[in-house]
Amino acid sequence: MKKRVIVAMSGASGAIYGIRLLERLREGGNAETHLVMTRSAERTIYLETEKLSQDVKNLADFHYPVEDIGCRLASGSFPMDAMVVAPCSIHSMSAIAAGISSNLLVRAADVTLKEHRRLILMLRETPLHLGHLRTMVSLAEMGAILAPPVPAFYTKPVSILDIVDHSVDRILDLLGLPSADTKRWDH
C-alpha cells in the first residue's frame, strides 16, 4: 500500500528540494503525493528553475490551491502518513508553530501535528536569530522534525543535483521510503 505524503512548498529559496522530492517519490512508486504550494513558492519556482507551477503540479498525484482550507488535507479524518515542507520558509515555520492556520499549508501542518503524524520541515534560512531557534525548539517539542538541507561531502558530489539528492535521500529515509541508490556513510 502506498504511503500518502503531503509535499508543501513555501516561498523560501530552494524550490529544487520540493521539486526533486516529488520526482523521487514518483520514481519510487510507493507514495501517493498531495501538493500544496504558496503563491510565493510559485514565484520562487519560476525564478530559480524557470518551471511553471503547472510543471510542478504535474509531478504530484493531487494538488490543492493554498486558499482551500476546507479541502480534505485540512481534516484529521483524511488519513495521511506524513507531510514535508520543502523548502520551508521562516514565515511558514513560525505560522505552523503558532497554529495560525491562515492557509492550507499551515492548516495541513497543524493537522499533521495534532494527529501525531510525521511533519518534516526543510528549513531554508541562515543565519538564525534567537527567535528562530526558540520557534524550532517549540516545533521539536510538538513532534516536528527539523531537517534543513545541509550538504554532505563524504558522498563526493560533482554536481548541484548530487548535493540536492543527498538532502532528499535523508527526507526519504525519514518518510520510511529509502532509496536503494542512496550513498551512505560506510567507513
N, C-alpha and C. Protein backbone atom coordinates (compact mmCIF):
# COMPACT_ATOMS: atom_id res chain seq x y z
N MET A 1 0.84 -1.18 0.00
CA MET A 1 0.00 0.00 0.00
C MET A 1 0.88 1.25 0.00
N LYS A 2 0.54 2.20 -0.84
CA LYS A 2 1.32 3.42 -0.95
C LYS A 2 1.13 4.31 0.28
N LYS A 3 2.22 4.98 0.68
CA LYS A 3 2.13 5.97 1.73
C LYS A 3 1.58 7.26 1.14
N ARG A 4 0.71 7.91 1.90
CA ARG A 4 0.18 9.21 1.49
C ARG A 4 1.04 10.30 2.10
N VAL A 5 1.63 11.12 1.22
CA VAL A 5 2.55 12.16 1.66
C VAL A 5 2.13 13.51 1.10
N ILE A 6 2.01 14.48 2.00
CA ILE A 6 1.79 15.86 1.58
C ILE A 6 3.16 16.47 1.34
N VAL A 7 3.35 17.06 0.17
CA VAL A 7 4.55 17.84 -0.11
C VAL A 7 4.08 19.27 -0.24
N ALA A 8 4.57 20.12 0.66
CA ALA A 8 4.21 21.53 0.63
C ALA A 8 5.44 22.34 0.30
N MET A 9 5.26 23.38 -0.49
CA MET A 9 6.36 24.24 -0.88
C MET A 9 6.03 25.68 -0.50
N SER A 10 6.91 26.28 0.30
CA SER A 10 6.75 27.68 0.66
C SER A 10 7.64 28.51 -0.28
N GLY A 11 7.68 29.81 -0.05
CA GLY A 11 8.42 30.69 -0.94
C GLY A 11 9.90 30.83 -0.66
N ALA A 12 10.43 30.05 0.28
CA ALA A 12 11.86 30.12 0.57
C ALA A 12 12.67 29.69 -0.65
N SER A 13 13.90 30.17 -0.71
CA SER A 13 14.81 29.71 -1.74
C SER A 13 15.06 28.22 -1.54
N GLY A 14 15.27 27.52 -2.64
CA GLY A 14 15.49 26.08 -2.56
C GLY A 14 14.32 25.29 -3.12
N ALA A 15 13.62 25.88 -4.08
CA ALA A 15 12.48 25.19 -4.70
C ALA A 15 12.88 23.83 -5.25
N ILE A 16 14.13 23.68 -5.64
CA ILE A 16 14.59 22.41 -6.20
C ILE A 16 14.38 21.25 -5.22
N TYR A 17 14.41 21.53 -3.90
CA TYR A 17 14.22 20.45 -2.93
C TYR A 17 12.82 19.86 -3.02
N GLY A 18 11.81 20.71 -3.11
CA GLY A 18 10.45 20.21 -3.24
C GLY A 18 10.21 19.52 -4.57
N ILE A 19 10.76 20.11 -5.62
CA ILE A 19 10.61 19.52 -6.95
C ILE A 19 11.28 18.16 -7.01
N ARG A 20 12.50 18.10 -6.51
CA ARG A 20 13.24 16.84 -6.56
C ARG A 20 12.59 15.77 -5.68
N LEU A 21 12.04 16.19 -4.52
CA LEU A 21 11.34 15.24 -3.66
C LEU A 21 10.15 14.65 -4.40
N LEU A 22 9.38 15.48 -5.08
CA LEU A 22 8.24 14.98 -5.87
C LEU A 22 8.71 14.01 -6.95
N GLU A 23 9.80 14.37 -7.64
CA GLU A 23 10.33 13.48 -8.69
C GLU A 23 10.74 12.13 -8.12
N ARG A 24 11.45 12.17 -7.00
CA ARG A 24 11.95 10.93 -6.41
C ARG A 24 10.81 10.08 -5.84
N LEU A 25 9.81 10.70 -5.25
CA LEU A 25 8.65 9.95 -4.76
C LEU A 25 7.91 9.30 -5.92
N ARG A 26 7.82 10.00 -7.03
CA ARG A 26 7.17 9.43 -8.22
C ARG A 26 7.99 8.26 -8.76
N GLU A 27 9.31 8.43 -8.85
CA GLU A 27 10.19 7.36 -9.33
C GLU A 27 10.09 6.12 -8.45
N GLY A 28 10.01 6.33 -7.12
CA GLY A 28 9.94 5.21 -6.19
C GLY A 28 8.67 4.42 -6.32
N GLY A 29 7.59 5.07 -6.73
CA GLY A 29 6.32 4.40 -6.96
C GLY A 29 5.61 3.90 -5.72
N ASN A 30 6.08 4.28 -4.54
CA ASN A 30 5.46 3.77 -3.32
C ASN A 30 4.83 4.87 -2.46
N ALA A 31 4.54 6.02 -3.11
CA ALA A 31 3.90 7.12 -2.40
C ALA A 31 2.84 7.77 -3.27
N GLU A 32 1.76 8.17 -2.61
CA GLU A 32 0.71 8.99 -3.24
C GLU A 32 0.98 10.41 -2.75
N THR A 33 1.24 11.33 -3.67
CA THR A 33 1.65 12.68 -3.29
C THR A 33 0.51 13.69 -3.43
N HIS A 34 0.44 14.56 -2.43
CA HIS A 34 -0.56 15.64 -2.35
C HIS A 34 0.21 16.94 -2.22
N LEU A 35 0.11 17.81 -3.22
CA LEU A 35 0.93 19.02 -3.30
C LEU A 35 0.16 20.27 -2.92
N VAL A 36 0.81 21.11 -2.10
CA VAL A 36 0.33 22.45 -1.78
C VAL A 36 1.49 23.41 -2.00
N MET A 37 1.26 24.46 -2.77
CA MET A 37 2.28 25.49 -2.99
C MET A 37 1.71 26.85 -2.62
N THR A 38 2.49 27.66 -1.91
CA THR A 38 2.07 29.03 -1.67
C THR A 38 2.29 29.83 -2.95
N ARG A 39 1.71 31.00 -3.02
CA ARG A 39 1.92 31.87 -4.18
C ARG A 39 3.39 32.28 -4.27
N SER A 40 4.00 32.50 -3.11
CA SER A 40 5.43 32.83 -3.09
C SER A 40 6.25 31.66 -3.63
N ALA A 41 5.83 30.44 -3.34
CA ALA A 41 6.54 29.26 -3.87
C ALA A 41 6.46 29.23 -5.38
N GLU A 42 5.29 29.52 -5.92
CA GLU A 42 5.14 29.52 -7.37
C GLU A 42 6.11 30.51 -8.02
N ARG A 43 6.25 31.67 -7.39
CA ARG A 43 7.17 32.68 -7.93
C ARG A 43 8.61 32.21 -7.79
N THR A 44 8.97 31.68 -6.63
CA THR A 44 10.34 31.21 -6.41
C THR A 44 10.68 30.07 -7.37
N ILE A 45 9.74 29.16 -7.57
CA ILE A 45 9.96 28.06 -8.52
C ILE A 45 10.35 28.61 -9.88
N TYR A 46 9.61 29.60 -10.35
CA TYR A 46 9.91 30.17 -11.67
C TYR A 46 11.26 30.89 -11.68
N LEU A 47 11.50 31.70 -10.65
CA LEU A 47 12.76 32.47 -10.59
C LEU A 47 13.98 31.56 -10.50
N GLU A 48 13.87 30.46 -9.77
CA GLU A 48 15.03 29.58 -9.57
C GLU A 48 15.18 28.49 -10.63
N THR A 49 14.06 28.06 -11.22
CA THR A 49 14.13 26.91 -12.14
C THR A 49 13.54 27.19 -13.52
N GLU A 50 12.83 28.30 -13.65
CA GLU A 50 12.09 28.65 -14.87
C GLU A 50 10.97 27.67 -15.18
N LYS A 51 10.59 26.86 -14.18
CA LYS A 51 9.44 25.97 -14.33
C LYS A 51 8.18 26.74 -13.94
N LEU A 52 7.08 26.40 -14.58
CA LEU A 52 5.79 26.96 -14.20
C LEU A 52 5.19 26.12 -13.09
N SER A 53 4.27 26.70 -12.34
CA SER A 53 3.64 25.94 -11.25
C SER A 53 2.95 24.70 -11.79
N GLN A 54 2.42 24.76 -12.99
CA GLN A 54 1.75 23.59 -13.57
C GLN A 54 2.74 22.45 -13.80
N ASP A 55 3.98 22.78 -14.13
CA ASP A 55 5.02 21.75 -14.30
C ASP A 55 5.21 20.97 -13.00
N VAL A 56 5.19 21.68 -11.88
CA VAL A 56 5.37 21.05 -10.57
C VAL A 56 4.11 20.29 -10.19
N LYS A 57 2.95 20.87 -10.44
CA LYS A 57 1.69 20.18 -10.14
C LYS A 57 1.61 18.85 -10.88
N ASN A 58 2.15 18.81 -12.08
CA ASN A 58 2.12 17.57 -12.87
C ASN A 58 2.94 16.44 -12.25
N LEU A 59 3.84 16.77 -11.31
CA LEU A 59 4.65 15.75 -10.64
C LEU A 59 3.89 15.06 -9.50
N ALA A 60 2.80 15.69 -9.05
CA ALA A 60 2.05 15.18 -7.90
C ALA A 60 0.82 14.41 -8.36
N ASP A 61 0.36 13.51 -7.51
CA ASP A 61 -0.88 12.79 -7.80
C ASP A 61 -2.09 13.69 -7.62
N PHE A 62 -2.02 14.57 -6.61
CA PHE A 62 -3.10 15.52 -6.34
C PHE A 62 -2.47 16.86 -5.97
N HIS A 63 -3.15 17.95 -6.30
CA HIS A 63 -2.68 19.27 -5.90
C HIS A 63 -3.89 20.12 -5.50
N TYR A 64 -3.63 21.07 -4.61
CA TYR A 64 -4.70 21.86 -4.00
C TYR A 64 -4.29 23.33 -3.96
N PRO A 65 -5.25 24.23 -4.18
CA PRO A 65 -4.96 25.65 -4.01
C PRO A 65 -4.65 25.96 -2.55
N VAL A 66 -3.69 26.83 -2.33
CA VAL A 66 -3.28 27.16 -0.97
C VAL A 66 -4.41 27.82 -0.16
N GLU A 67 -5.38 28.38 -0.85
CA GLU A 67 -6.52 29.01 -0.17
C GLU A 67 -7.59 28.02 0.25
N ASP A 68 -7.52 26.79 -0.20
CA ASP A 68 -8.59 25.80 0.03
C ASP A 68 -8.45 25.15 1.41
N ILE A 69 -8.71 25.93 2.47
CA ILE A 69 -8.57 25.39 3.82
C ILE A 69 -9.73 24.50 4.23
N GLY A 70 -10.65 24.25 3.32
CA GLY A 70 -11.74 23.33 3.59
C GLY A 70 -11.57 21.99 2.88
N CYS A 71 -10.43 21.78 2.21
CA CYS A 71 -10.24 20.52 1.48
C CYS A 71 -9.87 19.39 2.43
N ARG A 72 -9.74 18.20 1.90
CA ARG A 72 -9.51 17.01 2.73
C ARG A 72 -8.20 17.05 3.51
N LEU A 73 -7.19 17.77 3.02
CA LEU A 73 -5.93 17.85 3.76
C LEU A 73 -6.07 18.65 5.06
N ALA A 74 -7.15 19.40 5.17
CA ALA A 74 -7.38 20.23 6.36
C ALA A 74 -8.13 19.47 7.45
N SER A 75 -8.38 18.19 7.25
CA SER A 75 -9.13 17.40 8.22
C SER A 75 -8.32 16.20 8.70
N GLY A 76 -8.31 16.01 9.99
CA GLY A 76 -7.64 14.86 10.57
C GLY A 76 -8.29 13.54 10.20
N SER A 77 -9.53 13.58 9.72
CA SER A 77 -10.21 12.34 9.35
C SER A 77 -9.73 11.78 8.01
N PHE A 78 -8.98 12.59 7.25
CA PHE A 78 -8.41 12.10 6.00
C PHE A 78 -7.04 11.50 6.31
N PRO A 79 -6.87 10.19 6.17
CA PRO A 79 -5.63 9.54 6.61
C PRO A 79 -4.44 9.89 5.71
N MET A 80 -3.45 10.51 6.32
CA MET A 80 -2.18 10.81 5.67
C MET A 80 -1.08 10.18 6.51
N ASP A 81 0.04 9.88 5.89
CA ASP A 81 1.15 9.30 6.63
C ASP A 81 2.16 10.34 7.08
N ALA A 82 2.38 11.36 6.26
CA ALA A 82 3.41 12.34 6.59
C ALA A 82 3.23 13.60 5.76
N MET A 83 3.92 14.64 6.20
CA MET A 83 3.96 15.91 5.46
C MET A 83 5.39 16.43 5.49
N VAL A 84 5.84 16.91 4.34
CA VAL A 84 7.15 17.54 4.22
C VAL A 84 6.95 18.93 3.66
N VAL A 85 7.54 19.93 4.31
CA VAL A 85 7.55 21.29 3.76
C VAL A 85 8.95 21.51 3.21
N ALA A 86 9.05 21.57 1.87
CA ALA A 86 10.34 21.63 1.20
C ALA A 86 10.28 22.59 0.01
N PRO A 87 10.87 23.74 0.11
CA PRO A 87 11.57 24.30 1.25
C PRO A 87 10.57 24.92 2.23
N CYS A 88 11.04 25.14 3.45
CA CYS A 88 10.20 25.75 4.48
C CYS A 88 10.77 27.11 4.86
N SER A 89 9.99 28.14 4.63
CA SER A 89 10.42 29.50 5.00
C SER A 89 10.26 29.70 6.50
N ILE A 90 10.93 30.69 7.03
CA ILE A 90 10.78 31.06 8.42
C ILE A 90 9.34 31.52 8.67
N HIS A 91 8.74 32.18 7.70
CA HIS A 91 7.35 32.62 7.83
C HIS A 91 6.43 31.42 8.04
N SER A 92 6.55 30.40 7.19
CA SER A 92 5.71 29.21 7.32
C SER A 92 6.01 28.47 8.60
N MET A 93 7.30 28.33 8.95
CA MET A 93 7.67 27.66 10.19
C MET A 93 7.03 28.34 11.39
N SER A 94 7.09 29.66 11.41
CA SER A 94 6.56 30.42 12.54
C SER A 94 5.04 30.29 12.63
N ALA A 95 4.37 30.33 11.48
CA ALA A 95 2.91 30.17 11.47
C ALA A 95 2.51 28.78 11.95
N ILE A 96 3.25 27.77 11.53
CA ILE A 96 2.97 26.39 11.97
C ILE A 96 3.14 26.30 13.48
N ALA A 97 4.22 26.85 14.00
CA ALA A 97 4.49 26.78 15.44
C ALA A 97 3.41 27.48 16.25
N ALA A 98 2.88 28.58 15.70
CA ALA A 98 1.86 29.36 16.42
C ALA A 98 0.45 28.84 16.18
N GLY A 99 0.29 27.89 15.27
CA GLY A 99 -1.04 27.36 14.97
C GLY A 99 -1.91 28.34 14.21
N ILE A 100 -1.30 29.23 13.45
CA ILE A 100 -2.04 30.23 12.68
C ILE A 100 -2.40 29.61 11.33
N SER A 101 -3.56 29.02 11.25
CA SER A 101 -3.96 28.27 10.07
C SER A 101 -4.60 29.17 9.02
N SER A 102 -3.83 30.11 8.50
CA SER A 102 -4.35 31.08 7.55
C SER A 102 -4.33 30.60 6.11
N ASN A 103 -3.68 29.47 5.84
CA ASN A 103 -3.69 28.90 4.50
C ASN A 103 -3.59 27.37 4.62
N LEU A 104 -3.72 26.69 3.51
CA LEU A 104 -3.75 25.22 3.54
C LEU A 104 -2.41 24.62 3.98
N LEU A 105 -1.31 25.23 3.60
CA LEU A 105 -0.01 24.69 4.03
C LEU A 105 0.05 24.64 5.56
N VAL A 106 -0.28 25.74 6.20
CA VAL A 106 -0.20 25.81 7.66
C VAL A 106 -1.27 24.94 8.30
N ARG A 107 -2.47 24.93 7.75
CA ARG A 107 -3.54 24.11 8.31
C ARG A 107 -3.20 22.62 8.20
N ALA A 108 -2.69 22.19 7.06
CA ALA A 108 -2.31 20.77 6.89
C ALA A 108 -1.20 20.39 7.86
N ALA A 109 -0.25 21.30 8.08
CA ALA A 109 0.82 21.03 9.05
C ALA A 109 0.26 20.94 10.46
N ASP A 110 -0.68 21.82 10.78
CA ASP A 110 -1.33 21.80 12.09
C ASP A 110 -2.05 20.47 12.31
N VAL A 111 -2.77 20.02 11.30
CA VAL A 111 -3.48 18.73 11.38
C VAL A 111 -2.47 17.59 11.53
N THR A 112 -1.37 17.66 10.79
CA THR A 112 -0.35 16.63 10.88
C THR A 112 0.18 16.52 12.32
N LEU A 113 0.43 17.66 12.94
CA LEU A 113 0.92 17.66 14.32
C LEU A 113 -0.14 17.15 15.29
N LYS A 114 -1.37 17.64 15.14
CA LYS A 114 -2.41 17.25 16.12
C LYS A 114 -2.76 15.78 16.02
N GLU A 115 -2.58 15.20 14.84
CA GLU A 115 -2.86 13.78 14.65
C GLU A 115 -1.63 12.91 14.93
N HIS A 116 -0.56 13.53 15.39
CA HIS A 116 0.70 12.83 15.72
C HIS A 116 1.26 12.08 14.52
N ARG A 117 1.18 12.74 13.37
CA ARG A 117 1.77 12.20 12.15
C ARG A 117 3.14 12.88 11.95
N ARG A 118 3.92 12.34 11.07
CA ARG A 118 5.27 12.85 10.83
C ARG A 118 5.21 14.16 10.02
N LEU A 119 5.78 15.23 10.61
CA LEU A 119 5.91 16.52 9.94
C LEU A 119 7.40 16.84 9.84
N ILE A 120 7.87 17.02 8.61
CA ILE A 120 9.28 17.28 8.35
C ILE A 120 9.40 18.65 7.70
N LEU A 121 10.23 19.52 8.29
CA LEU A 121 10.42 20.87 7.77
C LEU A 121 11.85 21.03 7.27
N MET A 122 12.00 21.27 5.97
CA MET A 122 13.31 21.55 5.38
C MET A 122 13.52 23.07 5.42
N LEU A 123 13.95 23.55 6.57
CA LEU A 123 14.12 24.98 6.79
C LEU A 123 15.22 25.55 5.92
N ARG A 124 14.93 26.72 5.34
CA ARG A 124 15.89 27.38 4.47
C ARG A 124 16.12 28.80 4.97
N GLU A 125 17.01 28.95 5.92
CA GLU A 125 17.34 30.29 6.43
C GLU A 125 18.67 30.22 7.15
N THR A 126 19.47 31.23 6.98
CA THR A 126 20.72 31.37 7.72
C THR A 126 21.19 32.80 7.59
N PRO A 127 21.75 33.38 8.61
CA PRO A 127 21.88 32.86 9.95
C PRO A 127 20.54 32.89 10.68
N LEU A 128 20.51 32.26 11.84
CA LEU A 128 19.29 32.18 12.65
C LEU A 128 19.44 33.07 13.88
N HIS A 129 18.36 33.80 14.21
CA HIS A 129 18.40 34.56 15.46
C HIS A 129 17.68 33.78 16.55
N LEU A 130 17.72 34.28 17.77
CA LEU A 130 17.19 33.56 18.92
C LEU A 130 15.70 33.22 18.75
N GLY A 131 14.93 34.12 18.15
CA GLY A 131 13.50 33.84 17.92
C GLY A 131 13.30 32.63 17.02
N HIS A 132 14.11 32.52 15.96
CA HIS A 132 14.04 31.35 15.08
C HIS A 132 14.34 30.08 15.87
N LEU A 133 15.40 30.13 16.66
CA LEU A 133 15.81 28.95 17.42
C LEU A 133 14.75 28.55 18.44
N ARG A 134 14.13 29.51 19.10
CA ARG A 134 13.06 29.19 20.06
C ARG A 134 11.86 28.58 19.35
N THR A 135 11.56 29.09 18.17
CA THR A 135 10.46 28.53 17.39
C THR A 135 10.76 27.09 17.00
N MET A 136 12.00 26.82 16.62
CA MET A 136 12.41 25.45 16.27
C MET A 136 12.28 24.52 17.47
N VAL A 137 12.70 24.99 18.64
CA VAL A 137 12.56 24.18 19.85
C VAL A 137 11.09 23.86 20.09
N SER A 138 10.24 24.87 19.96
CA SER A 138 8.80 24.68 20.16
C SER A 138 8.25 23.61 19.21
N LEU A 139 8.65 23.68 17.95
CA LEU A 139 8.19 22.69 16.97
C LEU A 139 8.72 21.30 17.29
N ALA A 140 9.98 21.21 17.69
CA ALA A 140 10.55 19.91 18.06
C ALA A 140 9.78 19.33 19.25
N GLU A 141 9.42 20.17 20.20
CA GLU A 141 8.65 19.70 21.35
C GLU A 141 7.26 19.22 20.94
N MET A 142 6.72 19.78 19.85
CA MET A 142 5.41 19.35 19.34
C MET A 142 5.50 18.09 18.51
N GLY A 143 6.72 17.68 18.16
CA GLY A 143 6.90 16.45 17.39
C GLY A 143 7.37 16.64 15.97
N ALA A 144 7.56 17.88 15.54
CA ALA A 144 8.05 18.11 14.18
C ALA A 144 9.51 17.70 14.07
N ILE A 145 9.91 17.33 12.87
CA ILE A 145 11.31 17.01 12.58
C ILE A 145 11.87 18.17 11.77
N LEU A 146 12.92 18.79 12.28
CA LEU A 146 13.57 19.90 11.60
C LEU A 146 14.75 19.34 10.82
N ALA A 147 14.67 19.42 9.51
CA ALA A 147 15.68 18.80 8.64
C ALA A 147 16.14 19.78 7.58
N PRO A 148 16.93 20.78 7.99
CA PRO A 148 17.43 21.71 6.98
C PRO A 148 18.31 20.98 5.98
N PRO A 149 18.26 21.38 4.73
CA PRO A 149 19.10 20.73 3.72
C PRO A 149 20.57 21.14 3.90
N VAL A 150 21.33 20.25 4.49
CA VAL A 150 22.74 20.51 4.77
C VAL A 150 23.56 19.54 3.92
N PRO A 151 24.44 20.06 3.08
CA PRO A 151 25.19 19.16 2.20
C PRO A 151 26.20 18.32 2.97
N ALA A 152 26.42 17.13 2.47
CA ALA A 152 27.46 16.24 2.98
C ALA A 152 28.47 16.06 1.86
N PHE A 153 29.71 16.03 2.21
CA PHE A 153 30.73 15.92 1.17
C PHE A 153 31.44 14.58 1.15
N TYR A 154 31.10 13.69 2.07
CA TYR A 154 31.66 12.34 2.03
C TYR A 154 31.12 11.57 0.83
N THR A 155 30.02 12.05 0.24
CA THR A 155 29.47 11.41 -0.95
C THR A 155 30.21 11.82 -2.22
N LYS A 156 31.14 12.77 -2.07
CA LYS A 156 31.92 13.29 -3.20
C LYS A 156 31.02 13.81 -4.33
N PRO A 157 30.15 14.78 -4.01
CA PRO A 157 29.25 15.32 -5.04
C PRO A 157 30.02 16.02 -6.15
N VAL A 158 29.54 15.85 -7.37
CA VAL A 158 30.16 16.53 -8.51
C VAL A 158 29.21 17.51 -9.18
N SER A 159 27.97 17.56 -8.71
CA SER A 159 27.00 18.48 -9.29
C SER A 159 26.07 19.01 -8.20
N ILE A 160 25.36 20.05 -8.52
CA ILE A 160 24.36 20.58 -7.59
C ILE A 160 23.30 19.52 -7.33
N LEU A 161 22.91 18.78 -8.35
CA LEU A 161 21.90 17.74 -8.17
C LEU A 161 22.38 16.67 -7.18
N ASP A 162 23.67 16.35 -7.19
CA ASP A 162 24.20 15.40 -6.20
C ASP A 162 24.00 15.93 -4.79
N ILE A 163 24.23 17.22 -4.59
CA ILE A 163 24.06 17.84 -3.27
C ILE A 163 22.59 17.84 -2.87
N VAL A 164 21.72 18.21 -3.80
CA VAL A 164 20.28 18.21 -3.54
C VAL A 164 19.80 16.81 -3.22
N ASP A 165 20.22 15.84 -4.01
CA ASP A 165 19.76 14.46 -3.81
C ASP A 165 20.18 13.91 -2.45
N HIS A 166 21.33 14.32 -1.93
CA HIS A 166 21.71 13.85 -0.60
C HIS A 166 20.67 14.27 0.43
N SER A 167 20.25 15.53 0.40
CA SER A 167 19.24 16.00 1.35
C SER A 167 17.90 15.33 1.11
N VAL A 168 17.54 15.14 -0.14
CA VAL A 168 16.27 14.46 -0.46
C VAL A 168 16.32 13.01 0.00
N ASP A 169 17.46 12.36 -0.15
CA ASP A 169 17.60 10.98 0.34
C ASP A 169 17.37 10.91 1.85
N ARG A 170 17.85 11.89 2.58
CA ARG A 170 17.64 11.93 4.04
C ARG A 170 16.14 12.06 4.34
N ILE A 171 15.43 12.86 3.55
CA ILE A 171 13.99 13.01 3.74
C ILE A 171 13.27 11.71 3.42
N LEU A 172 13.67 11.05 2.35
CA LEU A 172 13.07 9.75 2.00
C LEU A 172 13.27 8.75 3.13
N ASP A 173 14.45 8.76 3.75
CA ASP A 173 14.69 7.90 4.91
C ASP A 173 13.72 8.23 6.04
N LEU A 174 13.54 9.52 6.32
CA LEU A 174 12.64 9.94 7.40
C LEU A 174 11.18 9.56 7.11
N LEU A 175 10.84 9.48 5.84
CA LEU A 175 9.48 9.08 5.44
C LEU A 175 9.30 7.56 5.48
N GLY A 176 10.38 6.83 5.70
CA GLY A 176 10.30 5.37 5.66
C GLY A 176 10.22 4.84 4.25
N LEU A 177 10.75 5.64 3.30
CA LEU A 177 10.75 5.27 1.89
C LEU A 177 12.17 5.38 1.33
N PRO A 178 13.11 4.66 1.90
CA PRO A 178 14.51 4.82 1.48
C PRO A 178 14.73 4.41 0.03
N SER A 179 15.67 5.11 -0.58
CA SER A 179 16.04 4.81 -1.96
C SER A 179 17.20 3.82 -1.97
N ALA A 180 17.15 2.87 -2.86
CA ALA A 180 18.24 1.90 -2.98
C ALA A 180 19.51 2.57 -3.49
N ASP A 181 19.38 3.73 -4.13
CA ASP A 181 20.53 4.43 -4.71
C ASP A 181 21.22 5.37 -3.73
N THR A 182 20.73 5.48 -2.51
CA THR A 182 21.30 6.42 -1.56
C THR A 182 22.75 6.09 -1.24
N LYS A 183 23.61 7.12 -1.34
CA LYS A 183 25.00 6.96 -0.94
C LYS A 183 25.06 7.14 0.57
N ARG A 184 25.59 6.15 1.25
CA ARG A 184 25.60 6.16 2.72
C ARG A 184 27.03 6.13 3.25
N TRP A 185 27.18 6.65 4.46
CA TRP A 185 28.46 6.59 5.15
C TRP A 185 28.78 5.12 5.41
N ASP A 186 29.93 4.68 4.97
CA ASP A 186 30.27 3.27 5.12
C ASP A 186 31.78 3.11 5.35
N HIS A 187 32.28 3.78 6.37
CA HIS A 187 33.72 3.74 6.65
C HIS A 187 33.98 3.20 8.02
